[in-house]
PDB file of N, CA and C in Angstrom:
ATOM      1  N   UNK A   1     -13.963  -5.592   7.361  1.00  0.00           N
ATOM      2  CA  UNK A   1     -12.732  -4.873   7.100  1.00  0.00           C
ATOM      3  C   UNK A   1     -12.000  -5.564   5.957  1.00  0.00           C
ATOM      4  N   UNK A   2     -11.881  -4.871   4.844  1.00  0.00           N
ATOM      5  CA  UNK A   2     -11.150  -5.452   3.716  1.00  0.00           C
ATOM      6  C   UNK A   2     -10.547  -4.351   2.849  1.00  0.00           C
ATOM      7  N   UNK A   3      -9.882  -4.759   1.807  1.00  0.00           N
ATOM      8  CA  UNK A   3      -9.178  -3.819   0.941  1.00  0.00           C
ATOM      9  C   UNK A   3     -10.135  -2.889   0.192  1.00  0.00           C
ATOM     10  N   UNK A   4     -11.387  -3.298   0.022  1.00  0.00           N
ATOM     11  CA  UNK A   4     -12.364  -2.462  -0.682  1.00  0.00           C
ATOM     12  C   UNK A   4     -12.592  -1.127   0.038  1.00  0.00           C
ATOM     13  N   UNK A   5     -12.444  -1.129   1.366  1.00  0.00           N
ATOM     14  CA  UNK A   5     -12.591   0.121   2.120  1.00  0.00           C
ATOM     15  C   UNK A   5     -11.505   1.120   1.726  1.00  0.00           C
ATOM     16  N   UNK A   6     -10.293   0.629   1.532  1.00  0.00           N
ATOM     17  CA  UNK A   6      -9.190   1.492   1.105  1.00  0.00           C
ATOM     18  C   UNK A   6      -9.453   1.989  -0.316  1.00  0.00           C
ATOM     19  N   UNK A   7      -9.938   1.098  -1.186  1.00  0.00           N
ATOM     20  CA  UNK A   7     -10.243   1.493  -2.566  1.00  0.00           C
ATOM     21  C   UNK A   7     -11.270   2.621  -2.590  1.00  0.00           C
ATOM     22  N   UNK A   8     -12.312   2.524  -1.767  1.00  0.00           N
ATOM     23  CA  UNK A   8     -13.337   3.571  -1.711  1.00  0.00           C
ATOM     24  C   UNK A   8     -12.723   4.913  -1.324  1.00  0.00           C
ATOM     25  N   UNK A   9     -11.868   4.895  -0.309  1.00  0.00           N
ATOM     26  CA  UNK A   9     -11.245   6.145   0.133  1.00  0.00           C
ATOM     27  C   UNK A   9     -10.277   6.696  -0.906  1.00  0.00           C
ATOM     28  N   UNK A  10      -9.549   5.823  -1.594  1.00  0.00           N
ATOM     29  CA  UNK A  10      -8.653   6.290  -2.650  1.00  0.00           C
ATOM     30  C   UNK A  10      -9.453   6.956  -3.768  1.00  0.00           C
ATOM     31  N   UNK A  11     -10.593   6.347  -4.134  1.00  0.00           N
ATOM     32  CA  UNK A  11     -11.456   6.950  -5.162  1.00  0.00           C
ATOM     33  C   UNK A  11     -11.987   8.301  -4.693  1.00  0.00           C
ATOM     34  N   UNK A  12     -12.423   8.351  -3.430  1.00  0.00           N
ATOM     35  CA  UNK A  12     -12.967   9.590  -2.874  1.00  0.00           C
ATOM     36  C   UNK A  12     -11.919  10.704  -2.881  1.00  0.00           C
ATOM     37  N   UNK A  13     -10.670  10.356  -2.612  1.00  0.00           N
ATOM     38  CA  UNK A  13      -9.572  11.335  -2.597  1.00  0.00           C
ATOM     39  C   UNK A  13      -8.981  11.554  -3.986  1.00  0.00           C
ATOM     40  N   UNK A  14      -9.540  10.899  -5.005  1.00  0.00           N
ATOM     41  CA  UNK A  14      -9.086  11.011  -6.404  1.00  0.00           C
ATOM     42  C   UNK A  14      -7.632  10.570  -6.570  1.00  0.00           C
ATOM     43  N   UNK A  15      -7.243   9.533  -5.820  1.00  0.00           N
ATOM     44  CA  UNK A  15      -5.895   8.976  -5.939  1.00  0.00           C
ATOM     45  C   UNK A  15      -5.970   7.751  -6.840  1.00  0.00           C
ATOM     46  N   UNK A  16      -5.233   7.793  -7.942  1.00  0.00           N
ATOM     47  CA  UNK A  16      -5.230   6.675  -8.887  1.00  0.00           C
ATOM     48  C   UNK A  16      -4.486   5.487  -8.279  1.00  0.00           C
ATOM     49  N   UNK A  17      -5.013   4.295  -8.506  1.00  0.00           N
ATOM     50  CA  UNK A  17      -4.382   3.077  -8.014  1.00  0.00           C
ATOM     51  C   UNK A  17      -4.644   1.953  -8.996  1.00  0.00           C
ATOM     52  N   UNK A  18      -3.920   0.868  -8.820  1.00  0.00           N
ATOM     53  CA  UNK A  18      -4.103  -0.317  -9.654  1.00  0.00           C
ATOM     54  C   UNK A  18      -4.226  -1.518  -8.735  1.00  0.00           C
ATOM     55  N   UNK A  19      -5.209  -2.375  -9.012  1.00  0.00           N
ATOM     56  CA  UNK A  19      -5.381  -3.599  -8.232  1.00  0.00           C
ATOM     57  C   UNK A  19      -4.532  -4.713  -8.811  1.00  0.00           C
ATOM     58  N   UNK A  20      -4.060  -5.602  -7.940  1.00  0.00           N
ATOM     59  CA  UNK A  20      -3.352  -6.784  -8.421  1.00  0.00           C
ATOM     60  C   UNK A  20      -4.370  -7.729  -9.054  1.00  0.00           C
ATOM     61  N   UNK A  21      -3.876  -8.689  -9.827  1.00  0.00           N
ATOM     62  CA  UNK A  21      -4.780  -9.611 -10.522  1.00  0.00           C
ATOM     63  C   UNK A  21      -5.651 -10.400  -9.564  1.00  0.00           C
ATOM     64  N   UNK A  22      -5.112 -10.780  -8.413  1.00  0.00           N
ATOM     65  CA  UNK A  22      -5.909 -11.539  -7.451  1.00  0.00           C
ATOM     66  C   UNK A  22      -6.633 -10.630  -6.453  1.00  0.00           C
ATOM     67  N   UNK A  23      -6.539  -9.316  -6.662  1.00  0.00           N
ATOM     68  CA  UNK A  23      -7.200  -8.300  -5.846  1.00  0.00           C
ATOM     69  C   UNK A  23      -6.781  -8.345  -4.381  1.00  0.00           C
ATOM     70  N   UNK A  24      -5.558  -8.806  -4.110  1.00  0.00           N
ATOM     71  CA  UNK A  24      -5.073  -8.878  -2.736  1.00  0.00           C
ATOM     72  C   UNK A  24      -4.293  -7.633  -2.329  1.00  0.00           C
ATOM     73  N   UNK A  25      -3.971  -6.776  -3.303  1.00  0.00           N
ATOM     74  CA  UNK A  25      -3.240  -5.554  -2.993  1.00  0.00           C
ATOM     75  C   UNK A  25      -3.529  -4.485  -4.031  1.00  0.00           C
ATOM     76  N   UNK A  26      -3.281  -3.240  -3.638  1.00  0.00           N
ATOM     77  CA  UNK A  26      -3.361  -2.128  -4.577  1.00  0.00           C
ATOM     78  C   UNK A  26      -2.001  -1.446  -4.612  1.00  0.00           C
ATOM     79  N   UNK A  27      -1.667  -0.869  -5.767  1.00  0.00           N
ATOM     80  CA  UNK A  27      -0.402  -0.147  -5.887  1.00  0.00           C
ATOM     81  C   UNK A  27      -0.673   1.265  -6.392  1.00  0.00           C
ATOM     82  N   UNK A  28       0.164   2.182  -5.923  1.00  0.00           N
ATOM     83  CA  UNK A  28       0.073   3.589  -6.286  1.00  0.00           C
ATOM     84  C   UNK A  28       1.458   4.008  -6.747  1.00  0.00           C
ATOM     85  N   UNK A  29       1.532   4.708  -7.859  1.00  0.00           N
ATOM     86  CA  UNK A  29       2.820   5.125  -8.391  1.00  0.00           C
ATOM     87  C   UNK A  29       3.307   4.148  -9.445  1.00  0.00           C
ATOM     88  N   UNK A  30       4.568   4.288  -9.837  1.00  0.00           N
ATOM     89  CA  UNK A  30       5.145   3.361 -10.806  1.00  0.00           C
ATOM     90  C   UNK A  30       6.630   3.199 -10.513  1.00  0.00           C
ATOM     91  N   UNK A  31       7.180   2.096 -10.979  1.00  0.00           N
ATOM     92  CA  UNK A  31       8.581   1.799 -10.733  1.00  0.00           C
ATOM     93  C   UNK A  31       9.441   2.948 -11.227  1.00  0.00           C
ATOM     94  N   UNK A  32      10.397   3.404 -10.486  1.00  0.00           N
ATOM     95  CA  UNK A  32      10.997   2.844  -9.279  1.00  0.00           C
ATOM     96  C   UNK A  32      10.372   3.341  -7.976  1.00  0.00           C
ATOM     97  N   UNK A  33       9.388   4.258  -8.050  1.00  0.00           N
ATOM     98  CA  UNK A  33       8.767   4.799  -6.841  1.00  0.00           C
ATOM     99  C   UNK A  33       7.310   4.365  -6.791  1.00  0.00           C
ATOM    100  N   UNK A  34       6.989   3.497  -5.840  1.00  0.00           N
ATOM    101  CA  UNK A  34       5.591   3.112  -5.714  1.00  0.00           C
ATOM    102  C   UNK A  34       5.259   2.640  -4.307  1.00  0.00           C
ATOM    103  N   UNK A  35       3.955   2.560  -4.059  1.00  0.00           N
ATOM    104  CA  UNK A  35       3.401   2.194  -2.759  1.00  0.00           C
ATOM    105  C   UNK A  35       2.532   0.966  -2.968  1.00  0.00           C
ATOM    106  N   UNK A  36       2.613   0.018  -2.060  1.00  0.00           N
ATOM    107  CA  UNK A  36       1.759  -1.169  -2.104  1.00  0.00           C
ATOM    108  C   UNK A  36       0.967  -1.221  -0.797  1.00  0.00           C
ATOM    109  N   UNK A  37      -0.331  -1.503  -0.907  1.00  0.00           N
ATOM    110  CA  UNK A  37      -1.196  -1.627   0.263  1.00  0.00           C
ATOM    111  C   UNK A  37      -1.826  -3.014   0.227  1.00  0.00           C
ATOM    112  N   UNK A  38      -1.712  -3.741   1.331  1.00  0.00           N
ATOM    113  CA  UNK A  38      -2.313  -5.069   1.430  1.00  0.00           C
ATOM    114  C   UNK A  38      -2.690  -5.332   2.880  1.00  0.00           C
ATOM    115  N   UNK A  39      -3.346  -6.448   3.134  1.00  0.00           N
ATOM    116  CA  UNK A  39      -3.789  -6.786   4.483  1.00  0.00           C
ATOM    117  C   UNK A  39      -3.039  -8.006   4.998  1.00  0.00           C
ATOM    118  N   UNK A  40      -2.837  -8.043   6.321  1.00  0.00           N
ATOM    119  CA  UNK A  40      -2.166  -9.181   6.950  1.00  0.00           C
ATOM    120  C   UNK A  40      -2.683  -9.339   8.373  1.00  0.00           C
ATOM    121  N   UNK A  41      -2.436 -10.504   8.925  1.00  0.00           N
ATOM    122  CA  UNK A  41      -2.787 -10.744  10.327  1.00  0.00           C
ATOM    123  C   UNK A  41      -1.609 -11.366  11.082  1.00  0.00           C
ATOM    124  N   UNK A  42      -0.407 -11.081  10.623  1.00  0.00           N
ATOM    125  CA  UNK A  42       0.789 -11.677  11.214  1.00  0.00           C
ATOM    126  C   UNK A  42       1.366 -10.729  12.263  1.00  0.00           C
ATOM    127  N   UNK A  43       1.721 -11.295  13.418  1.00  0.00           N
ATOM    128  CA  UNK A  43       2.353 -10.515  14.478  1.00  0.00           C
ATOM    129  C   UNK A  43       3.866 -10.623  14.321  1.00  0.00           C
ATOM    130  N   UNK A  44       4.479  -9.589  13.757  1.00  0.00           N
ATOM    131  CA  UNK A  44       5.916  -9.612  13.499  1.00  0.00           C
ATOM    132  C   UNK A  44       6.747  -9.346  14.752  1.00  0.00           C
ATOM    133  N   UNK A  45       6.095  -9.038  15.878  1.00  0.00           N
ATOM    134  CA  UNK A  45       6.850  -8.786  17.106  1.00  0.00           C
ATOM    135  C   UNK A  45       7.241 -10.076  17.815  1.00  0.00           C
ATOM    136  N   UNK A  46       6.596 -11.182  17.490  1.00  0.00           N
ATOM    137  CA  UNK A  46       6.921 -12.471  18.111  1.00  0.00           C
ATOM    138  C   UNK A  46       7.836 -13.276  17.200  1.00  0.00           C
ATOM    139  N   UNK A  47       8.705 -14.104  17.772  1.00  0.00           N
ATOM    140  CA  UNK A  47       9.719 -14.805  16.967  1.00  0.00           C
ATOM    141  C   UNK A  47       9.181 -15.758  15.905  1.00  0.00           C
ATOM    142  N   UNK A  48       8.041 -16.387  16.133  1.00  0.00           N
ATOM    143  CA  UNK A  48       7.534 -17.356  15.152  1.00  0.00           C
ATOM    144  C   UNK A  48       6.509 -16.750  14.192  1.00  0.00           C
ATOM    145  N   UNK A  49       6.299 -15.425  14.261  1.00  0.00           N
ATOM    146  CA  UNK A  49       5.372 -14.703  13.374  1.00  0.00           C
ATOM    147  C   UNK A  49       3.999 -15.382  13.265  1.00  0.00           C
ATOM    148  N   UNK A  50       3.285 -15.506  14.380  1.00  0.00           N
ATOM    149  CA  UNK A  50       1.993 -16.203  14.324  1.00  0.00           C
ATOM    150  C   UNK A  50       0.903 -15.375  13.641  1.00  0.00           C
ATOM    151  N   UNK A  51      -0.078 -16.075  13.079  1.00  0.00           N
ATOM    152  CA  UNK A  51      -1.277 -15.423  12.545  1.00  0.00           C
ATOM    153  C   UNK A  51      -2.204 -15.152  13.720  1.00  0.00           C
ATOM    154  N   UNK A  52      -2.686 -13.929  13.819  1.00  0.00           N
ATOM    155  CA  UNK A  52      -3.507 -13.547  14.965  1.00  0.00           C
ATOM    156  C   UNK A  52      -4.998 -13.604  14.684  1.00  0.00           C
ATOM    157  N   UNK A  53      -5.384 -13.545  13.409  1.00  0.00           N
ATOM    158  CA  UNK A  53      -6.795 -13.483  13.062  1.00  0.00           C
ATOM    159  C   UNK A  53      -7.334 -12.059  13.082  1.00  0.00           C
ATOM    160  N   UNK A  54      -6.534 -11.108  13.550  1.00  0.00           N
ATOM    161  CA  UNK A  54      -6.915  -9.696  13.562  1.00  0.00           C
ATOM    162  C   UNK A  54      -6.194  -9.006  12.415  1.00  0.00           C
ATOM    163  N   UNK A  55      -6.933  -8.731  11.353  1.00  0.00           N
ATOM    164  CA  UNK A  55      -6.318  -8.173  10.150  1.00  0.00           C
ATOM    165  C   UNK A  55      -6.106  -6.668  10.268  1.00  0.00           C
ATOM    166  N   UNK A  56      -5.072  -6.188   9.606  1.00  0.00           N
ATOM    167  CA  UNK A  56      -4.762  -4.771   9.525  1.00  0.00           C
ATOM    168  C   UNK A  56      -4.155  -4.502   8.158  1.00  0.00           C
ATOM    169  N   UNK A  57      -4.080  -3.224   7.789  1.00  0.00           N
ATOM    170  CA  UNK A  57      -3.515  -2.843   6.494  1.00  0.00           C
ATOM    171  C   UNK A  57      -2.029  -2.587   6.647  1.00  0.00           C
ATOM    172  N   UNK A  58      -1.262  -3.024   5.674  1.00  0.00           N
ATOM    173  CA  UNK A  58       0.166  -2.731   5.620  1.00  0.00           C
ATOM    174  C   UNK A  58       0.401  -1.837   4.409  1.00  0.00           C
ATOM    175  N   UNK A  59       1.072  -0.727   4.647  1.00  0.00           N
ATOM    176  CA  UNK A  59       1.445   0.194   3.577  1.00  0.00           C
ATOM    177  C   UNK A  59       2.962   0.114   3.454  1.00  0.00           C
ATOM    178  N   UNK A  60       3.420  -0.285   2.272  1.00  0.00           N
ATOM    179  CA  UNK A  60       4.848  -0.450   2.012  1.00  0.00           C
ATOM    180  C   UNK A  60       5.228   0.454   0.844  1.00  0.00           C
ATOM    181  N   UNK A  61       6.342   1.182   0.965  1.00  0.00           N
ATOM    182  CA  UNK A  61       6.742   2.087  -0.111  1.00  0.00           C
ATOM    183  C   UNK A  61       8.257   2.143  -0.220  1.00  0.00           C
ATOM    184  N   UNK A  62       8.712   2.511  -1.420  1.00  0.00           N
ATOM    185  CA  UNK A  62      10.147   2.611  -1.635  1.00  0.00           C
ATOM    186  C   UNK A  62      10.464   3.336  -2.933  1.00  0.00           C
ATOM    187  N   UNK A  63      11.650   3.926  -2.960  1.00  0.00           N
ATOM    188  CA  UNK A  63      12.264   4.418  -4.188  1.00  0.00           C
ATOM    189  C   UNK A  63      13.392   3.439  -4.479  1.00  0.00           C
ATOM    190  N   UNK A  64      13.153   2.518  -5.393  1.00  0.00           N
ATOM    191  CA  UNK A  64      14.090   1.424  -5.645  1.00  0.00           C
ATOM    192  C   UNK A  64      15.404   1.884  -6.256  1.00  0.00           C
ATOM    193  N   UNK A  65      15.461   3.108  -6.767  1.00  0.00           N
ATOM    194  CA  UNK A  65      16.731   3.629  -7.260  1.00  0.00           C
ATOM    195  C   UNK A  65      17.647   4.042  -6.107  1.00  0.00           C
ATOM    196  N   UNK A  66      17.071   4.335  -4.950  1.00  0.00           N
ATOM    197  CA  UNK A  66      17.858   4.789  -3.807  1.00  0.00           C
ATOM    198  C   UNK A  66      18.115   3.701  -2.770  1.00  0.00           C
ATOM    199  N   UNK A  67      17.214   2.727  -2.659  1.00  0.00           N
ATOM    200  CA  UNK A  67      17.339   1.737  -1.592  1.00  0.00           C
ATOM    201  C   UNK A  67      16.706   0.419  -2.010  1.00  0.00           C
ATOM    202  N   UNK A  68      17.226  -0.669  -1.482  1.00  0.00           N
ATOM    203  CA  UNK A  68      16.624  -1.976  -1.751  1.00  0.00           C
ATOM    204  C   UNK A  68      15.745  -2.427  -0.584  1.00  0.00           C
ATOM    205  N   UNK A  69      15.593  -1.579   0.416  1.00  0.00           N
ATOM    206  CA  UNK A  69      14.788  -1.914   1.586  1.00  0.00           C
ATOM    207  C   UNK A  69      13.561  -1.014   1.652  1.00  0.00           C
ATOM    208  N   UNK A  70      12.366  -1.575   1.434  1.00  0.00           N
ATOM    209  CA  UNK A  70      11.165  -0.744   1.501  1.00  0.00           C
ATOM    210  C   UNK A  70      10.847  -0.318   2.935  1.00  0.00           C
ATOM    211  N   UNK A  71      10.196   0.829   3.045  1.00  0.00           N
ATOM    212  CA  UNK A  71       9.676   1.283   4.334  1.00  0.00           C
ATOM    213  C   UNK A  71       8.287   0.685   4.469  1.00  0.00           C
ATOM    214  N   UNK A  72       7.830   0.579   5.710  1.00  0.00           N
ATOM    215  CA  UNK A  72       6.559  -0.081   5.915  1.00  0.00           C
ATOM    216  C   UNK A  72       5.924   0.431   7.197  1.00  0.00           C
ATOM    217  N   UNK A  73       4.603   0.517   7.162  1.00  0.00           N
ATOM    218  CA  UNK A  73       3.859   0.910   8.347  1.00  0.00           C
ATOM    219  C   UNK A  73       2.531   0.180   8.320  1.00  0.00           C
ATOM    220  N   UNK A  74       1.921   0.023   9.478  1.00  0.00           N
ATOM    221  CA  UNK A  74       0.636  -0.666   9.525  1.00  0.00           C
ATOM    222  C   UNK A  74      -0.435   0.256  10.073  1.00  0.00           C
ATOM    223  N   UNK A  75      -1.672   0.004   9.646  1.00  0.00           N
ATOM    224  CA  UNK A  75      -2.810   0.826  10.054  1.00  0.00           C
ATOM    225  C   UNK A  75      -3.963  -0.084  10.451  1.00  0.00           C
ATOM    226  N   UNK A  76      -4.697   0.344  11.463  1.00  0.00           N
ATOM    227  CA  UNK A  76      -5.817  -0.455  11.942  1.00  0.00           C
ATOM    228  C   UNK A  76      -7.164   0.109  11.519  1.00  0.00           C
ATOM    229  N   UNK A  77      -7.161   1.301  10.910  1.00  0.00           N
ATOM    230  CA  UNK A  77      -8.388   1.876  10.362  1.00  0.00           C
ATOM    231  C   UNK A  77      -8.094   2.375   8.948  1.00  0.00           C
ATOM    232  N   UNK A  78      -9.122   2.454   8.108  1.00  0.00           N
ATOM    233  CA  UNK A  78      -8.909   2.987   6.758  1.00  0.00           C
ATOM    234  C   UNK A  78      -8.346   4.413   6.776  1.00  0.00           C
ATOM    235  N   UNK A  79      -8.796   5.242   7.716  1.00  0.00           N
ATOM    236  CA  UNK A  79      -8.304   6.620   7.789  1.00  0.00           C
ATOM    237  C   UNK A  79      -6.806   6.655   8.089  1.00  0.00           C
ATOM    238  N   UNK A  80      -6.341   5.777   8.986  1.00  0.00           N
ATOM    239  CA  UNK A  80      -4.904   5.699   9.279  1.00  0.00           C
ATOM    240  C   UNK A  80      -4.133   5.283   8.033  1.00  0.00           C
ATOM    241  N   UNK A  81      -4.672   4.319   7.296  1.00  0.00           N
ATOM    242  CA  UNK A  81      -4.002   3.834   6.082  1.00  0.00           C
ATOM    243  C   UNK A  81      -3.879   4.950   5.049  1.00  0.00           C
ATOM    244  N   UNK A  82      -4.946   5.716   4.847  1.00  0.00           N
ATOM    245  CA  UNK A  82      -4.911   6.818   3.881  1.00  0.00           C
ATOM    246  C   UNK A  82      -3.896   7.875   4.314  1.00  0.00           C
ATOM    247  N   UNK A  83      -3.820   8.150   5.605  1.00  0.00           N
ATOM    248  CA  UNK A  83      -2.847   9.125   6.107  1.00  0.00           C
ATOM    249  C   UNK A  83      -1.421   8.655   5.799  1.00  0.00           C
ATOM    250  N   UNK A  84      -1.132   7.381   6.023  1.00  0.00           N
ATOM    251  CA  UNK A  84       0.194   6.826   5.731  1.00  0.00           C
ATOM    252  C   UNK A  84       0.464   6.871   4.230  1.00  0.00           C
ATOM    253  N   UNK A  85      -0.550   6.533   3.427  1.00  0.00           N
ATOM    254  CA  UNK A  85      -0.402   6.566   1.963  1.00  0.00           C
ATOM    255  C   UNK A  85      -0.050   7.982   1.500  1.00  0.00           C
ATOM    256  N   UNK A  86      -0.764   8.984   2.021  1.00  0.00           N
ATOM    257  CA  UNK A  86      -0.491  10.373   1.624  1.00  0.00           C
ATOM    258  C   UNK A  86       0.922  10.797   2.021  1.00  0.00           C
ATOM    259  N   UNK A  87       1.364  10.396   3.212  1.00  0.00           N
ATOM    260  CA  UNK A  87       2.725  10.726   3.646  1.00  0.00           C
ATOM    261  C   UNK A  87       3.755  10.061   2.737  1.00  0.00           C
ATOM    262  N   UNK A  88       3.506   8.799   2.375  1.00  0.00           N
ATOM    263  CA  UNK A  88       4.426   8.080   1.485  1.00  0.00           C
ATOM    264  C   UNK A  88       4.443   8.721   0.100  1.00  0.00           C
ATOM    265  N   UNK A  89       3.267   9.138  -0.389  1.00  0.00           N
ATOM    266  CA  UNK A  89       3.201   9.808  -1.690  1.00  0.00           C
ATOM    267  C   UNK A  89       4.023  11.089  -1.671  1.00  0.00           C
ATOM    268  N   UNK A  90       3.906  11.842  -0.593  1.00  0.00           N
ATOM    269  CA  UNK A  90       4.664  13.090  -0.475  1.00  0.00           C
ATOM    270  C   UNK A  90       6.164  12.794  -0.418  1.00  0.00           C
ATOM    271  N   UNK A  91       6.547  11.800   0.362  1.00  0.00           N
ATOM    272  CA  UNK A  91       7.964  11.439   0.486  1.00  0.00           C
ATOM    273  C   UNK A  91       8.559  11.005  -0.852  1.00  0.00           C
ATOM    274  N   UNK A  92       7.777  10.248  -1.632  1.00  0.00           N
ATOM    275  CA  UNK A  92       8.262   9.739  -2.913  1.00  0.00           C
ATOM    276  C   UNK A  92       8.054  10.716  -4.067  1.00  0.00           C
ATOM    277  N   UNK A  93       7.240  11.740  -3.851  1.00  0.00           N
ATOM    278  CA  UNK A  93       6.942  12.679  -4.928  1.00  0.00           C
ATOM    279  C   UNK A  93       5.986  12.101  -5.957  1.00  0.00           C
ATOM    280  N   UNK A  94       5.050  11.271  -5.507  1.00  0.00           N
ATOM    281  CA  UNK A  94       4.061  10.653  -6.393  1.00  0.00           C
ATOM    282  C   UNK A  94       2.821  11.535  -6.425  1.00  0.00           C
ATOM    283  N   UNK A  95       2.344  11.854  -7.627  1.00  0.00           N
ATOM    284  CA  UNK A  95       1.121  12.647  -7.747  1.00  0.00           C
ATOM    285  C   UNK A  95      -0.092  11.721  -7.673  1.00  0.00           C
ATOM    286  N   UNK A  96      -1.268  12.319  -7.510  1.00  0.00           N
ATOM    287  CA  UNK A  96      -2.500  11.540  -7.371  1.00  0.00           C
ATOM    288  C   UNK A  96      -2.837  10.717  -8.606  1.00  0.00           C
ATOM    289  N   UNK A  97      -2.347  11.116  -9.765  1.00  0.00           N
ATOM    290  CA  UNK A  97      -2.753  10.445 -10.999  1.00  0.00           C
ATOM    291  C   UNK A  97      -1.635   9.613 -11.627  1.00  0.00           C
ATOM    292  N   UNK A  98      -0.709   9.106 -10.827  1.00  0.00           N
ATOM    293  CA  UNK A  98       0.371   8.268 -11.336  1.00  0.00           C
ATOM    294  C   UNK A  98       0.103   6.820 -10.956  1.00  0.00           C
ATOM    295  N   UNK A  99      -0.017   5.953 -11.953  1.00  0.00           N
ATOM    296  CA  UNK A  99      -0.194   4.528 -11.666  1.00  0.00           C
ATOM    297  C   UNK A  99       0.794   3.717 -12.479  1.00  0.00           C
ATOM    298  N   UNK A 100       1.018   2.502 -12.030  1.00  0.00           N
ATOM    299  CA  UNK A 100       1.913   1.580 -12.733  1.00  0.00           C
ATOM    300  C   UNK A 100       1.203   1.066 -13.978  1.00  0.00           C
ATOM    301  N   UNK A 101       1.821   1.224 -15.117  1.00  0.00           N
ATOM    302  CA  UNK A 101       1.266   0.695 -16.360  1.00  0.00           C
ATOM    303  C   UNK A 101       1.740  -0.738 -16.540  1.00  0.00           C
ATOM    304  N   UNK A 102       0.846  -1.590 -16.967  1.00  0.00           N
ATOM    305  CA  UNK A 102       1.197  -2.979 -17.219  1.00  0.00           C
ATOM    306  C   UNK A 102       1.179  -3.213 -18.716  1.00  0.00           C
ATOM    307  N   UNK A 103       2.257  -3.710 -19.250  1.00  0.00           N
ATOM    308  CA  UNK A 103       2.352  -3.981 -20.683  1.00  0.00           C
ATOM    309  C   UNK A 103       2.194  -5.470 -20.940  1.00  0.00           C
ATOM    310  N   UNK A 104       1.444  -5.810 -21.958  1.00  0.00           N
ATOM    311  CA  UNK A 104       1.250  -7.203 -22.334  1.00  0.00           C
ATOM    312  C   UNK A 104       1.850  -7.430 -23.706  1.00  0.00           C
ATOM    313  N   UNK A 105       2.608  -8.482 -23.858  1.00  0.00           N
ATOM    314  CA  UNK A 105       3.218  -8.813 -25.153  1.00  0.00           C
ATOM    315  C   UNK A 105       2.729 -10.159 -25.629  1.00  0.00           C
TER     316      UNK A 105
END
């Protein structure tokens, strides 16, 4: 279970995305509206936030012009993650072919 499974499904659904330099996350959309997908094994329900060793996908999205607090949901299967991504895309009004452009100077 890794981020490559999400990448395969995004390609299959023709959803454009961009990988981070260290390949630890993918992003969809562009500032101020974008979605970030990454993996974690932290249990946020316990006070000390322990690492569980059971990884899952976290989908985080926001319209930074409207709010400074991103929304977030977790998925335990690639299909769940894609469903959350599609819902976030619809909520933000992101089309399948919108990606964050990176400029180098």
